[in-house]
Amino acid sequence: MTDIPRDDKSADSQTEQAGYADDDYERAMKEALALMEKGFHLGGTHKLDRDALHDRKAARDTDPH
């Protein structure tokens, strides 16, 4: 088996680039989590409150036919 000569500058460059990629990933993750925490207003209004939407008894009592 023949050993391929290794360029130390190339290895250092790859290590440095991997470090930048990790930093970019961390920054993007923090930004995405902050956006999700804040949420988005997509317009519209709620005409029913949560209790009315989850009222199972009223849904069962309604005759679909």
N, C-alpha and C. Protein backbone atom coordinates (compact mmCIF):
# COMPACT_ATOMS: atom_id res chain seq x y z
N MET A 1 0.85 -1.17 0.00
CA MET A 1 0.00 0.00 0.00
C MET A 1 0.89 1.24 0.00
N THR A 2 0.55 2.19 -0.83
CA THR A 2 1.33 3.41 -0.93
C THR A 2 0.72 4.49 -0.07
N ASP A 3 1.55 5.12 0.75
CA ASP A 3 1.07 6.24 1.56
C ASP A 3 0.98 7.48 0.71
N ILE A 4 -0.12 8.19 0.86
CA ILE A 4 -0.31 9.43 0.13
C ILE A 4 0.25 10.55 1.01
N PRO A 5 1.14 11.38 0.44
CA PRO A 5 1.69 12.48 1.24
C PRO A 5 0.55 13.39 1.72
N ARG A 6 0.65 13.80 2.96
CA ARG A 6 -0.41 14.62 3.55
C ARG A 6 0.09 16.04 3.70
N ASP A 7 -0.69 16.96 3.24
CA ASP A 7 -0.35 18.37 3.33
C ASP A 7 -0.94 18.91 4.63
N ASP A 8 -0.09 19.25 5.59
CA ASP A 8 -0.57 19.73 6.89
C ASP A 8 -1.38 21.01 6.77
N LYS A 9 -1.05 21.86 5.82
CA LYS A 9 -1.81 23.10 5.63
C LYS A 9 -3.24 22.77 5.19
N SER A 10 -3.39 21.76 4.36
CA SER A 10 -4.70 21.35 3.90
C SER A 10 -5.52 20.81 5.08
N ALA A 11 -4.90 20.01 5.93
CA ALA A 11 -5.59 19.46 7.10
C ALA A 11 -6.00 20.59 8.04
N ASP A 12 -5.12 21.56 8.26
CA ASP A 12 -5.46 22.70 9.12
C ASP A 12 -6.62 23.48 8.53
N SER A 13 -6.61 23.66 7.23
CA SER A 13 -7.68 24.39 6.55
C SER A 13 -9.01 23.67 6.70
N GLN A 14 -9.00 22.35 6.56
CA GLN A 14 -10.23 21.57 6.70
C GLN A 14 -10.76 21.64 8.13
N THR A 15 -9.86 21.60 9.11
CA THR A 15 -10.26 21.70 10.51
C THR A 15 -10.88 23.06 10.78
N GLU A 16 -10.26 24.09 10.23
CA GLU A 16 -10.78 25.45 10.42
C GLU A 16 -12.15 25.59 9.76
N GLN A 17 -12.32 25.05 8.57
CA GLN A 17 -13.60 25.12 7.88
C GLN A 17 -14.67 24.35 8.64
N ALA A 18 -14.32 23.23 9.23
CA ALA A 18 -15.28 22.45 10.02
C ALA A 18 -15.72 23.25 11.23
N GLY A 19 -14.79 23.98 11.84
CA GLY A 19 -15.12 24.84 12.97
C GLY A 19 -16.09 25.94 12.57
N TYR A 20 -15.88 26.54 11.40
CA TYR A 20 -16.80 27.57 10.90
C TYR A 20 -18.18 26.97 10.64
N ALA A 21 -18.21 25.77 10.08
CA ALA A 21 -19.49 25.12 9.80
C ALA A 21 -20.25 24.87 11.11
N ASP A 22 -19.55 24.45 12.15
CA ASP A 22 -20.19 24.24 13.45
C ASP A 22 -20.76 25.55 13.99
N ASP A 23 -19.98 26.63 13.86
CA ASP A 23 -20.45 27.94 14.33
C ASP A 23 -21.68 28.39 13.56
N ASP A 24 -21.66 28.19 12.24
CA ASP A 24 -22.81 28.56 11.41
C ASP A 24 -24.04 27.76 11.79
N TYR A 25 -23.85 26.47 12.06
CA TYR A 25 -24.97 25.61 12.44
C TYR A 25 -25.56 26.08 13.77
N GLU A 26 -24.72 26.36 14.74
CA GLU A 26 -25.19 26.82 16.05
C GLU A 26 -25.96 28.13 15.92
N ARG A 27 -25.44 29.06 15.13
CA ARG A 27 -26.10 30.35 14.94
C ARG A 27 -27.47 30.16 14.28
N ALA A 28 -27.51 29.34 13.25
CA ALA A 28 -28.77 29.09 12.54
C ALA A 28 -29.78 28.41 13.45
N MET A 29 -29.32 27.48 14.28
CA MET A 29 -30.21 26.79 15.20
C MET A 29 -30.81 27.78 16.21
N LYS A 30 -29.99 28.64 16.76
CA LYS A 30 -30.48 29.63 17.73
C LYS A 30 -31.49 30.56 17.09
N GLU A 31 -31.22 31.00 15.87
CA GLU A 31 -32.16 31.88 15.16
C GLU A 31 -33.49 31.17 14.90
N ALA A 32 -33.42 29.91 14.48
CA ALA A 32 -34.64 29.15 14.19
C ALA A 32 -35.46 28.94 15.46
N LEU A 33 -34.81 28.61 16.57
CA LEU A 33 -35.52 28.41 17.83
C LEU A 33 -36.16 29.71 18.31
N ALA A 34 -35.47 30.83 18.13
CA ALA A 34 -36.02 32.12 18.53
C ALA A 34 -37.26 32.45 17.70
N LEU A 35 -37.22 32.16 16.41
CA LEU A 35 -38.38 32.40 15.55
C LEU A 35 -39.56 31.53 15.95
N MET A 36 -39.29 30.27 16.28
CA MET A 36 -40.37 29.37 16.69
C MET A 36 -40.97 29.81 18.02
N GLU A 37 -40.13 30.28 18.92
CA GLU A 37 -40.60 30.75 20.23
C GLU A 37 -41.49 31.97 20.07
N LYS A 38 -41.10 32.86 19.17
CA LYS A 38 -41.87 34.08 18.93
C LYS A 38 -43.19 33.76 18.23
N GLY A 39 -43.16 32.87 17.26
CA GLY A 39 -44.36 32.52 16.51
C GLY A 39 -44.61 33.50 15.37
N PHE A 40 -45.62 33.20 14.60
CA PHE A 40 -45.96 34.02 13.44
C PHE A 40 -47.44 34.35 13.47
N HIS A 41 -47.78 35.58 13.19
CA HIS A 41 -49.18 35.95 13.06
C HIS A 41 -49.53 35.83 11.58
N LEU A 42 -50.39 34.90 11.26
CA LEU A 42 -50.72 34.63 9.87
C LEU A 42 -52.05 35.25 9.46
N GLY A 43 -52.54 36.12 10.31
CA GLY A 43 -53.80 36.80 10.00
C GLY A 43 -54.99 36.02 10.52
N GLY A 44 -56.15 36.56 10.30
CA GLY A 44 -57.36 35.89 10.73
C GLY A 44 -57.65 36.11 12.21
N THR A 45 -58.83 35.73 12.60
CA THR A 45 -59.23 35.85 14.00
C THR A 45 -59.90 34.56 14.43
N HIS A 46 -59.92 34.34 15.72
CA HIS A 46 -60.59 33.17 16.28
C HIS A 46 -62.00 33.56 16.68
N LYS A 47 -62.98 32.89 16.12
CA LYS A 47 -64.38 33.19 16.43
C LYS A 47 -64.89 32.32 17.58
N LEU A 48 -64.21 31.23 17.86
CA LEU A 48 -64.58 30.35 18.96
C LEU A 48 -63.45 30.31 19.97
N ASP A 49 -63.81 30.15 21.23
CA ASP A 49 -62.75 29.99 22.22
C ASP A 49 -62.35 28.51 22.30
N ARG A 50 -61.30 28.24 23.02
CA ARG A 50 -60.75 26.89 23.12
C ARG A 50 -61.77 25.91 23.69
N ASP A 51 -62.50 26.31 24.73
CA ASP A 51 -63.47 25.41 25.35
C ASP A 51 -64.56 24.99 24.36
N ALA A 52 -65.02 25.92 23.53
CA ALA A 52 -66.05 25.59 22.55
C ALA A 52 -65.50 24.62 21.50
N LEU A 53 -64.27 24.79 21.12
CA LEU A 53 -63.68 23.89 20.11
C LEU A 53 -63.49 22.48 20.65
N HIS A 54 -63.27 22.35 21.94
CA HIS A 54 -62.99 21.04 22.53
C HIS A 54 -64.18 20.47 23.31
N ASP A 55 -65.36 20.98 23.07
CA ASP A 55 -66.55 20.51 23.76
C ASP A 55 -67.02 19.22 23.10
N ARG A 56 -66.58 18.08 23.61
CA ARG A 56 -66.91 16.77 23.03
C ARG A 56 -68.39 16.43 23.22
N LYS A 57 -68.97 16.81 24.36
CA LYS A 57 -70.37 16.49 24.63
C LYS A 57 -71.27 17.14 23.58
N ALA A 58 -71.04 18.39 23.27
CA ALA A 58 -71.86 19.07 22.27
C ALA A 58 -71.70 18.41 20.90
N ALA A 59 -70.50 17.95 20.59
CA ALA A 59 -70.26 17.30 19.31
C ALA A 59 -71.00 15.96 19.23
N ARG A 60 -71.06 15.23 20.34
CA ARG A 60 -71.78 13.95 20.35
C ARG A 60 -73.29 14.15 20.29
N ASP A 61 -73.77 15.23 20.91
CA ASP A 61 -75.21 15.46 20.97
C ASP A 61 -75.79 15.94 19.63
N THR A 62 -74.94 16.38 18.72
CA THR A 62 -75.40 16.88 17.43
C THR A 62 -75.71 15.70 16.50
N ASP A 63 -76.92 15.67 15.93
CA ASP A 63 -77.31 14.60 15.03
C ASP A 63 -76.92 14.98 13.60
N PRO A 64 -75.99 14.24 12.98
CA PRO A 64 -75.51 14.60 11.64
C PRO A 64 -76.55 14.34 10.54
N HIS A 65 -77.63 13.63 10.82
CA HIS A 65 -78.61 13.29 9.78
C HIS A 65 -79.89 14.04 9.95
